[in-house]
């Protein structure tokens, strides 16, 4: 695959163009998504709590370092 010229005849020694095109083409062949029902905020809520905890820890460390 990496040694073959592309459709335009341009040689891509790393094969990155062909891999990118395969990735893009794969994204267009997705299955239809089911109808969206009620969604929960589980993972998003966990991320928000994690960010708040991380900010609190950084603030505490900074406070101790500057005190």
N, C-alpha and C. Protein backbone atom coordinates (compact mmCIF):
# COMPACT_ATOMS: atom_id res chain seq x y z
N UNK A 1 0.83 -1.19 0.00
CA UNK A 1 0.00 0.00 0.00
C UNK A 1 0.87 1.25 0.00
N UNK A 2 1.92 1.28 0.80
CA UNK A 2 2.75 2.48 0.89
C UNK A 2 3.61 2.64 -0.36
N UNK A 3 3.88 1.55 -1.08
CA UNK A 3 4.73 1.65 -2.26
C UNK A 3 3.96 1.96 -3.52
N UNK A 4 2.65 1.92 -3.47
CA UNK A 4 1.84 2.18 -4.64
C UNK A 4 1.59 3.67 -4.80
N UNK A 5 1.65 4.17 -6.03
CA UNK A 5 1.32 5.57 -6.23
C UNK A 5 -0.17 5.79 -5.97
N UNK A 6 -0.50 6.99 -5.56
CA UNK A 6 -1.89 7.32 -5.28
C UNK A 6 -2.70 7.42 -6.55
N UNK A 7 -3.99 7.71 -6.44
CA UNK A 7 -4.85 7.81 -7.61
C UNK A 7 -4.37 8.88 -8.60
N UNK A 8 -3.73 9.92 -8.11
CA UNK A 8 -3.24 10.97 -8.99
C UNK A 8 -1.86 10.64 -9.54
N UNK A 9 -1.25 9.53 -9.14
CA UNK A 9 0.07 9.16 -9.60
C UNK A 9 1.18 9.73 -8.73
N UNK A 10 0.87 10.37 -7.63
CA UNK A 10 1.88 10.92 -6.72
C UNK A 10 2.36 9.81 -5.80
N UNK A 11 3.66 9.70 -5.63
CA UNK A 11 4.23 8.67 -4.78
C UNK A 11 4.31 9.18 -3.35
N UNK A 12 3.80 8.41 -2.42
CA UNK A 12 3.82 8.76 -1.00
C UNK A 12 4.65 7.69 -0.28
N UNK A 13 5.94 7.94 0.00
CA UNK A 13 6.79 6.90 0.58
C UNK A 13 6.32 6.41 1.93
N UNK A 14 5.70 7.25 2.73
CA UNK A 14 5.25 6.82 4.05
C UNK A 14 3.87 6.18 4.00
N UNK A 15 3.13 6.40 2.93
CA UNK A 15 1.79 5.84 2.83
C UNK A 15 0.78 6.59 3.66
N UNK A 16 1.15 7.76 4.19
CA UNK A 16 0.25 8.47 5.08
C UNK A 16 -0.99 8.99 4.36
N UNK A 17 -0.84 9.38 3.09
CA UNK A 17 -2.00 9.87 2.35
C UNK A 17 -3.01 8.76 2.16
N UNK A 18 -2.53 7.56 1.80
CA UNK A 18 -3.44 6.45 1.61
C UNK A 18 -4.11 6.07 2.92
N UNK A 19 -3.35 6.08 4.01
CA UNK A 19 -3.93 5.73 5.31
C UNK A 19 -4.97 6.77 5.72
N UNK A 20 -4.69 8.05 5.44
CA UNK A 20 -5.65 9.10 5.78
C UNK A 20 -6.92 8.94 4.96
N UNK A 21 -6.76 8.67 3.68
CA UNK A 21 -7.95 8.49 2.84
C UNK A 21 -8.77 7.28 3.29
N UNK A 22 -8.10 6.20 3.69
CA UNK A 22 -8.81 5.03 4.19
C UNK A 22 -9.56 5.38 5.47
N UNK A 23 -8.95 6.19 6.32
CA UNK A 23 -9.59 6.62 7.57
C UNK A 23 -10.82 7.47 7.27
N UNK A 24 -10.70 8.40 6.32
CA UNK A 24 -11.82 9.27 5.99
C UNK A 24 -12.94 8.48 5.35
N UNK A 25 -12.58 7.56 4.45
CA UNK A 25 -13.59 6.74 3.79
C UNK A 25 -14.30 5.84 4.79
N UNK A 26 -13.56 5.36 5.79
CA UNK A 26 -14.17 4.51 6.82
C UNK A 26 -15.21 5.29 7.62
N UNK A 27 -14.96 6.57 7.85
CA UNK A 27 -15.89 7.40 8.60
C UNK A 27 -17.19 7.65 7.87
N UNK A 28 -17.18 7.58 6.53
CA UNK A 28 -18.41 7.81 5.77
C UNK A 28 -19.28 6.58 5.71
N UNK A 29 -18.77 5.43 6.10
CA UNK A 29 -19.52 4.19 6.03
C UNK A 29 -20.07 3.77 7.38
N UNK A 30 -20.36 4.72 8.24
CA UNK A 30 -20.85 4.40 9.58
C UNK A 30 -22.29 3.92 9.51
N UNK A 31 -22.65 3.14 10.51
CA UNK A 31 -24.02 2.67 10.65
C UNK A 31 -24.90 3.82 11.09
N UNK A 32 -26.16 3.83 10.68
CA UNK A 32 -27.05 4.90 11.16
C UNK A 32 -27.21 4.82 12.68
N UNK A 33 -27.22 5.96 13.30
CA UNK A 33 -27.32 6.02 14.75
C UNK A 33 -28.77 5.80 15.17
N UNK A 34 -29.01 5.10 16.27
CA UNK A 34 -30.38 4.93 16.76
C UNK A 34 -30.93 6.26 17.26
N UNK A 35 -32.24 6.32 17.34
CA UNK A 35 -32.88 7.55 17.82
C UNK A 35 -32.41 7.85 19.23
N UNK A 36 -32.12 9.11 19.48
CA UNK A 36 -31.62 9.53 20.78
C UNK A 36 -32.75 9.52 21.80
N UNK A 37 -32.50 8.83 22.88
CA UNK A 37 -33.46 8.80 23.97
C UNK A 37 -32.99 9.73 25.07
N UNK A 38 -33.54 9.59 26.24
CA UNK A 38 -33.06 10.42 27.35
C UNK A 38 -31.60 10.09 27.65
N UNK A 39 -30.80 11.11 27.74
CA UNK A 39 -29.38 10.89 28.00
C UNK A 39 -29.06 11.21 29.44
N UNK A 40 -28.09 10.48 29.97
CA UNK A 40 -27.65 10.75 31.33
C UNK A 40 -26.37 11.56 31.26
N UNK A 41 -26.10 12.31 32.29
CA UNK A 41 -24.89 13.13 32.31
C UNK A 41 -23.81 12.46 33.14
N UNK A 42 -23.75 11.13 33.15
CA UNK A 42 -22.81 10.39 33.96
C UNK A 42 -21.36 10.71 33.68
N UNK A 43 -20.84 10.41 32.48
CA UNK A 43 -19.43 10.66 32.22
C UNK A 43 -19.08 12.15 32.26
N UNK A 44 -19.97 12.99 31.76
CA UNK A 44 -19.68 14.43 31.76
C UNK A 44 -19.63 14.95 33.19
N UNK A 45 -20.51 14.47 34.05
CA UNK A 45 -20.52 14.88 35.44
C UNK A 45 -19.23 14.47 36.13
N UNK A 46 -18.73 13.28 35.83
CA UNK A 46 -17.48 12.81 36.41
C UNK A 46 -16.29 13.65 35.99
N UNK A 47 -16.28 14.07 34.73
CA UNK A 47 -15.19 14.91 34.24
C UNK A 47 -15.22 16.27 34.94
N UNK A 48 -16.39 16.83 35.11
CA UNK A 48 -16.51 18.13 35.78
C UNK A 48 -16.02 18.03 37.22
N UNK A 49 -16.42 16.99 37.92
CA UNK A 49 -15.97 16.79 39.31
C UNK A 49 -14.45 16.59 39.34
N UNK A 50 -13.91 15.83 38.39
CA UNK A 50 -12.47 15.61 38.34
C UNK A 50 -11.69 16.89 38.12
N UNK A 51 -12.20 17.76 37.25
CA UNK A 51 -11.53 19.04 37.00
C UNK A 51 -11.59 19.92 38.25
N UNK A 52 -12.72 19.94 38.93
CA UNK A 52 -12.84 20.74 40.15
C UNK A 52 -11.88 20.24 41.22
N UNK A 53 -11.77 18.92 41.36
CA UNK A 53 -10.85 18.35 42.35
C UNK A 53 -9.41 18.67 41.97
N UNK A 54 -9.07 18.58 40.68
CA UNK A 54 -7.70 18.89 40.25
C UNK A 54 -7.36 20.34 40.51
N UNK A 55 -8.28 21.26 40.26
CA UNK A 55 -8.04 22.68 40.52
C UNK A 55 -7.87 22.91 42.02
N UNK A 56 -8.67 22.23 42.83
CA UNK A 56 -8.55 22.39 44.28
C UNK A 56 -7.19 21.88 44.77
N UNK A 57 -6.72 20.76 44.23
CA UNK A 57 -5.43 20.21 44.64
C UNK A 57 -4.30 21.16 44.23
N UNK A 58 -4.36 21.68 43.01
CA UNK A 58 -3.32 22.62 42.57
C UNK A 58 -3.34 23.88 43.43
N UNK A 59 -4.52 24.37 43.77
CA UNK A 59 -4.63 25.57 44.61
C UNK A 59 -4.06 25.29 46.00
N UNK A 60 -4.33 24.12 46.55
CA UNK A 60 -3.82 23.77 47.87
C UNK A 60 -2.29 23.66 47.85
N UNK A 61 -1.74 23.05 46.81
CA UNK A 61 -0.29 22.93 46.71
C UNK A 61 0.35 24.30 46.57
N UNK A 62 -0.24 25.15 45.75
CA UNK A 62 0.29 26.50 45.57
C UNK A 62 0.21 27.27 46.87
N UNK A 63 -0.87 27.14 47.61
CA UNK A 63 -1.04 27.84 48.88
C UNK A 63 0.03 27.40 49.89
N UNK A 64 0.28 26.07 49.94
CA UNK A 64 1.29 25.55 50.85
C UNK A 64 2.70 25.99 50.42
N UNK A 65 2.93 26.06 49.13
CA UNK A 65 4.27 26.43 48.64
C UNK A 65 4.55 27.91 48.90
N UNK A 66 3.54 28.73 48.83
CA UNK A 66 3.73 30.17 49.00
C UNK A 66 3.58 30.62 50.45
N UNK A 67 3.10 29.77 51.31
CA UNK A 67 2.90 30.14 52.71
C UNK A 67 4.19 30.06 53.50
